[in-house]
C-alpha atoms as a PDB file:
ATOM      1  CA  MET A   1      14.974  -3.898  -7.421  1.00  0.00           C
ATOM      2  CA  HIS A   2      16.845  -5.556  -4.612  1.00  0.00           C
ATOM      3  CA  GLU A   3      14.793  -7.138  -1.846  1.00  0.00           C
ATOM      4  CA  GLU A   4      16.459  -4.911   0.771  1.00  0.00           C
ATOM      5  CA  ARG A   5      15.275  -1.759  -1.007  1.00  0.00           C
ATOM      6  CA  LEU A   6      11.794  -3.216  -1.448  1.00  0.00           C
ATOM      7  CA  LEU A   7      11.664  -3.875   2.301  1.00  0.00           C
ATOM      8  CA  GLU A   8      12.760  -0.282   3.017  1.00  0.00           C
ATOM      9  CA  LEU A   9      10.042   1.070   0.717  1.00  0.00           C
ATOM     10  CA  LEU A  10       7.464  -1.253   2.256  1.00  0.00           C
ATOM     11  CA  ASN A  11       8.285  -0.039   5.776  1.00  0.00           C
ATOM     12  CA  GLU A  12       8.343   3.602   4.711  1.00  0.00           C
ATOM     13  CA  GLY A  13       5.054   3.229   2.831  1.00  0.00           C
ATOM     14  CA  ILE A  14       3.403   1.615   5.846  1.00  0.00           C
ATOM     15  CA  ARG A  15       4.559   4.494   8.079  1.00  0.00           C
ATOM     16  CA  HIS A  16       3.015   7.010   5.688  1.00  0.00           C
ATOM     17  CA  LEU A  17      -0.152   4.938   5.377  1.00  0.00           C
ATOM     18  CA  HIS A  18      -0.492   5.011   9.182  1.00  0.00           C
ATOM     19  CA  LYS A  19      -0.188   8.798   9.067  1.00  0.00           C
ATOM     20  CA  ALA A  20      -3.092   8.912   6.610  1.00  0.00           C
ATOM     21  CA  PHE A  21      -5.161   6.459   8.696  1.00  0.00           C
ATOM     22  CA  PRO A  22      -4.028   6.953  12.322  1.00  0.00           C
ATOM     23  CA  GLU A  23      -7.164   5.374  13.783  1.00  0.00           C
ATOM     24  CA  SER A  24      -6.479   2.046  12.085  1.00  0.00           C
ATOM     25  CA  GLN A  25      -3.879  -0.263  13.583  1.00  0.00           C
ATOM     26  CA  CYS A  26      -4.660  -3.354  11.521  1.00  0.00           C
ATOM     27  CA  LEU A  27      -2.712  -4.062   8.349  1.00  0.00           C
ATOM     28  CA  ILE A  28      -2.787  -7.088   6.107  1.00  0.00           C
ATOM     29  CA  LEU A  29       0.324  -7.947   4.114  1.00  0.00           C
ATOM     30  CA  ALA A  30       0.018 -10.585   1.416  1.00  0.00           C
ATOM     31  CA  LEU A  31       2.201 -11.886  -1.371  1.00  0.00           C
ATOM     32  CA  GLU A  32      -0.031 -11.962  -4.441  1.00  0.00           C
ATOM     33  CA  VAL A  33       0.452 -13.759  -7.754  1.00  0.00           C
ATOM     34  CA  ASP A  34      -1.329 -12.700 -10.919  1.00  0.00           C
ATOM     35  CA  HIS A  35      -3.031 -15.823 -12.287  1.00  0.00           C
ATOM     36  CA  GLU A  36      -2.710 -14.595 -15.864  1.00  0.00           C
ATOM     37  CA  LEU A  37       0.971 -13.725 -15.424  1.00  0.00           C
ATOM     38  CA  PRO A  38       2.351 -16.328 -12.990  1.00  0.00           C
ATOM     39  CA  ASP A  39       5.822 -14.758 -12.985  1.00  0.00           C
ATOM     40  CA  TRP A  40       4.383 -11.499 -11.603  1.00  0.00           C
ATOM     41  CA  GLU A  41       4.425 -11.420  -7.808  1.00  0.00           C
ATOM     42  CA  TYR A  42       3.757  -8.341  -5.717  1.00  0.00           C
ATOM     43  CA  LEU A  43       3.167  -7.368  -2.113  1.00  0.00           C
ATOM     44  CA  ALA A  44      -0.310  -6.115  -1.278  1.00  0.00           C
ATOM     45  CA  VAL A  45      -0.767  -3.965   1.826  1.00  0.00           C
ATOM     46  CA  SER A  46      -4.360  -3.453   2.953  1.00  0.00           C
ATOM     47  CA  ILE A  47      -5.378  -1.296   5.876  1.00  0.00           C
ATOM     48  CA  LYS A  48      -8.621  -2.125   7.669  1.00  0.00           C
ATOM     49  CA  ILE A  49     -10.848   0.909   8.064  1.00  0.00           C
ATOM     50  CA  SER A  50     -14.383   1.803   9.061  1.00  0.00           C
ATOM     51  CA  LEU A  51     -14.556   5.257   7.458  1.00  0.00           C
ATOM     52  CA  SER A  52     -17.003   6.424   4.837  1.00  0.00           C
ATOM     53  CA  VAL A  53     -15.985   5.564   1.288  1.00  0.00           C
ATOM     54  CA  GLU A  54     -15.535   9.249   0.463  1.00  0.00           C
ATOM     55  CA  GLU A  55     -13.289   9.933   3.472  1.00  0.00           C
ATOM     56  CA  ALA A  56     -11.262   6.755   2.940  1.00  0.00           C
ATOM     57  CA  ASN A  57     -10.712   7.461  -0.760  1.00  0.00           C
ATOM     58  CA  SER A  58      -9.751  11.052   0.007  1.00  0.00           C
ATOM     59  CA  ARG A  59      -7.110   9.890   2.483  1.00  0.00           C
ATOM     60  CA  LEU A  60      -5.832   7.161   0.151  1.00  0.00           C
ATOM     61  CA  ASN A  61      -5.527   9.729  -2.649  1.00  0.00           C
ATOM     62  CA  ALA A  62      -3.596  12.029  -0.308  1.00  0.00           C
ATOM     63  CA  PHE A  63      -1.246   9.134   0.561  1.00  0.00           C
ATOM     64  CA  THR A  64      -0.824   8.359  -3.132  1.00  0.00           C
ATOM     65  CA  HIS A  65       0.075  11.956  -3.986  1.00  0.00           C
ATOM     66  CA  SER A  66       2.252  12.634  -0.940  1.00  0.00           C
ATOM     67  CA  TRP A  67       4.280   9.402  -0.908  1.00  0.00           C
ATOM     68  CA  LEU A  68       3.470   6.734  -3.489  1.00  0.00           C
ATOM     69  CA  LEU A  69       3.855   8.847  -6.630  1.00  0.00           C
ATOM     70  CA  ARG A  70       7.252  10.097  -5.427  1.00  0.00           C
ATOM     71  CA  HIS A  71       8.429   6.481  -5.224  1.00  0.00           C
ATOM     72  CA  ALA A  72       6.533   5.084  -8.210  1.00  0.00           C
ATOM     73  CA  ALA A  73       9.654   4.507 -10.297  1.00  0.00           C
ATOM     74  CA  GLU A  74      11.183   2.348  -7.563  1.00  0.00           C
ATOM     75  CA  VAL A  75       7.987   0.669  -6.381  1.00  0.00           C
ATOM     76  CA  GLY A  76       6.798  -0.094  -9.896  1.00  0.00           C
ATOM     77  CA  ASP A  77       4.399  -3.008  -9.810  1.00  0.00           C
ATOM     78  CA  ARG A  78       5.965  -4.666  -6.754  1.00  0.00           C
ATOM     79  CA  LEU A  79       3.874  -2.905  -4.052  1.00  0.00           C
ATOM     80  CA  LEU A  80       0.138  -2.260  -3.919  1.00  0.00           C
ATOM     81  CA  PHE A  81      -1.584  -0.259  -1.174  1.00  0.00           C
ATOM     82  CA  ASP A  82      -5.326  -0.681  -0.725  1.00  0.00           C
ATOM     83  CA  LEU A  83      -8.210  -0.396   1.733  1.00  0.00           C
ATOM     84  CA  GLU A  84     -10.310  -3.072   3.371  1.00  0.00           C
ATOM     85  CA  TYR A  85     -13.637  -1.877   4.730  1.00  0.00           C
ATOM     86  CA  VAL A  86     -14.886  -3.418   7.972  1.00  0.00           C
END
């Protein structure tokens, strides 16, 4: 995947993540490297939330089904979306 397309998907994914978690304005973006597979790098997007685990997982599942699964073939293992509880 070209970096330009990855950036487009990252921005689009973040917009949809904000729709799922409108009360959270804090995102963390990190370039991660798998220590067992050093050639595997991916972008990890975490959204800081203070919801119950059940509510947060429900919203993350909705995001996964409404956006992420539709783009799974393109995203592959290059983007990861996750939650960070505060």
